[in-house]
Amino acid sequence: MWTTLLLILVSLALGFAAWLLFLWAVKSDQYDDVERPKHRMLDDEEEKR
């Protein structure tokens, strides 16, 4: 019985740690714009000097 309780507590702790890591990534703009850089080289606009 104590093994089951230990496994539940460990899984909750890992889930909470993953949630905190996700929140940190969102707040530090890790998911800012992942599509734009690969399309930027295909733009036909002249560079402004």
N, C-alpha and C. Protein backbone atom coordinates (compact mmCIF):
# COMPACT_ATOMS: atom_id res chain seq x y z
N MET A 1 0.82 -1.19 0.00
CA MET A 1 0.00 0.00 0.00
C MET A 1 0.87 1.26 0.00
N TRP A 2 1.95 1.25 0.75
CA TRP A 2 2.79 2.44 0.81
C TRP A 2 3.50 2.68 -0.51
N THR A 3 3.72 1.61 -1.28
CA THR A 3 4.36 1.76 -2.59
C THR A 3 3.44 2.52 -3.55
N THR A 4 2.15 2.20 -3.50
CA THR A 4 1.18 2.89 -4.34
C THR A 4 1.10 4.37 -3.98
N LEU A 5 1.09 4.65 -2.71
CA LEU A 5 1.05 6.04 -2.26
C LEU A 5 2.32 6.78 -2.69
N LEU A 6 3.45 6.14 -2.58
CA LEU A 6 4.71 6.75 -3.00
C LEU A 6 4.70 7.05 -4.50
N LEU A 7 4.22 6.10 -5.29
CA LEU A 7 4.17 6.31 -6.73
C LEU A 7 3.20 7.43 -7.10
N ILE A 8 2.10 7.55 -6.41
CA ILE A 8 1.16 8.63 -6.66
C ILE A 8 1.79 9.97 -6.33
N LEU A 9 2.47 10.05 -5.20
CA LEU A 9 3.13 11.30 -4.82
C LEU A 9 4.25 11.68 -5.79
N VAL A 10 5.01 10.72 -6.23
CA VAL A 10 6.08 10.99 -7.19
C VAL A 10 5.50 11.48 -8.51
N SER A 11 4.43 10.85 -8.99
CA SER A 11 3.83 11.28 -10.25
C SER A 11 3.21 12.67 -10.14
N LEU A 12 2.62 12.99 -9.00
CA LEU A 12 2.09 14.34 -8.80
C LEU A 12 3.22 15.37 -8.76
N ALA A 13 4.31 15.03 -8.13
CA ALA A 13 5.45 15.95 -8.07
C ALA A 13 6.04 16.18 -9.46
N LEU A 14 6.17 15.13 -10.26
CA LEU A 14 6.68 15.28 -11.61
C LEU A 14 5.73 16.08 -12.49
N GLY A 15 4.44 15.86 -12.33
CA GLY A 15 3.47 16.64 -13.08
C GLY A 15 3.51 18.10 -12.72
N PHE A 16 3.65 18.41 -11.44
CA PHE A 16 3.75 19.79 -10.99
C PHE A 16 5.02 20.44 -11.52
N ALA A 17 6.12 19.71 -11.52
CA ALA A 17 7.38 20.24 -12.04
C ALA A 17 7.27 20.51 -13.54
N ALA A 18 6.61 19.64 -14.28
CA ALA A 18 6.41 19.86 -15.71
C ALA A 18 5.54 21.08 -15.96
N TRP A 19 4.52 21.27 -15.14
CA TRP A 19 3.65 22.45 -15.26
C TRP A 19 4.43 23.73 -15.00
N LEU A 20 5.29 23.73 -13.98
CA LEU A 20 6.11 24.91 -13.70
C LEU A 20 7.09 25.20 -14.83
N LEU A 21 7.66 24.16 -15.41
CA LEU A 21 8.56 24.33 -16.55
C LEU A 21 7.83 24.91 -17.75
N PHE A 22 6.61 24.45 -17.98
CA PHE A 22 5.80 24.98 -19.08
C PHE A 22 5.48 26.45 -18.84
N LEU A 23 5.10 26.81 -17.63
CA LEU A 23 4.79 28.21 -17.32
C LEU A 23 6.02 29.10 -17.50
N TRP A 24 7.18 28.62 -17.09
CA TRP A 24 8.41 29.37 -17.28
C TRP A 24 8.69 29.59 -18.77
N ALA A 25 8.47 28.55 -19.58
CA ALA A 25 8.74 28.66 -21.02
C ALA A 25 7.79 29.67 -21.66
N VAL A 26 6.55 29.70 -21.24
CA VAL A 26 5.59 30.65 -21.81
C VAL A 26 5.94 32.07 -21.39
N LYS A 27 6.31 32.27 -20.13
CA LYS A 27 6.63 33.61 -19.65
C LYS A 27 7.92 34.16 -20.23
N SER A 28 8.85 33.29 -20.62
CA SER A 28 10.11 33.76 -21.18
C SER A 28 10.08 33.77 -22.71
N ASP A 29 8.88 33.74 -23.29
CA ASP A 29 8.66 33.85 -24.75
C ASP A 29 9.36 32.76 -25.56
N GLN A 30 9.40 31.56 -25.05
CA GLN A 30 9.97 30.45 -25.80
C GLN A 30 9.07 30.04 -26.96
N TYR A 31 7.77 30.34 -26.85
CA TYR A 31 6.81 29.99 -27.88
C TYR A 31 6.39 31.24 -28.66
N ASP A 32 7.28 32.18 -28.84
CA ASP A 32 6.94 33.47 -29.42
C ASP A 32 6.41 33.32 -30.84
N ASP A 33 7.22 32.96 -31.79
CA ASP A 33 6.78 32.78 -33.17
C ASP A 33 7.70 31.77 -33.84
N VAL A 34 7.25 30.55 -33.94
CA VAL A 34 8.11 29.50 -34.48
C VAL A 34 7.97 29.34 -35.98
N GLU A 35 6.92 29.90 -36.59
CA GLU A 35 6.70 29.73 -38.02
C GLU A 35 7.35 30.84 -38.86
N ARG A 36 7.47 32.03 -38.33
CA ARG A 36 7.92 33.17 -39.12
C ARG A 36 9.35 33.05 -39.64
N PRO A 37 10.33 32.59 -38.87
CA PRO A 37 11.70 32.57 -39.39
C PRO A 37 11.88 31.73 -40.65
N LYS A 38 11.16 30.64 -40.78
CA LYS A 38 11.36 29.83 -41.98
C LYS A 38 10.64 30.40 -43.20
N HIS A 39 9.69 31.31 -42.99
CA HIS A 39 9.02 31.95 -44.12
C HIS A 39 9.64 33.30 -44.48
N ARG A 40 10.46 33.83 -43.61
CA ARG A 40 11.05 35.15 -43.84
C ARG A 40 11.95 35.16 -45.06
N MET A 41 12.65 34.08 -45.34
CA MET A 41 13.56 34.07 -46.47
C MET A 41 12.82 34.02 -47.80
N LEU A 42 11.51 33.72 -47.79
CA LEU A 42 10.74 33.65 -49.02
C LEU A 42 10.05 34.97 -49.36
N ASP A 43 10.15 35.96 -48.49
CA ASP A 43 9.54 37.25 -48.75
C ASP A 43 10.23 37.94 -49.91
N ASP A 44 9.46 38.58 -50.79
CA ASP A 44 10.00 39.26 -51.94
C ASP A 44 10.26 40.75 -51.70
N GLU A 45 10.01 41.21 -50.53
CA GLU A 45 10.19 42.63 -50.23
C GLU A 45 11.67 42.98 -50.20
N GLU A 46 11.96 44.18 -50.67
CA GLU A 46 13.33 44.68 -50.61
C GLU A 46 13.66 45.09 -49.18
N GLU A 47 14.89 44.93 -48.79
CA GLU A 47 15.29 45.34 -47.46
C GLU A 47 15.36 46.86 -47.39
N LYS A 48 14.88 47.40 -46.29
CA LYS A 48 14.96 48.84 -46.09
C LYS A 48 16.34 49.21 -45.60
N ARG A 49 16.93 50.22 -46.21
CA ARG A 49 18.30 50.61 -45.83
C ARG A 49 18.29 51.93 -45.17
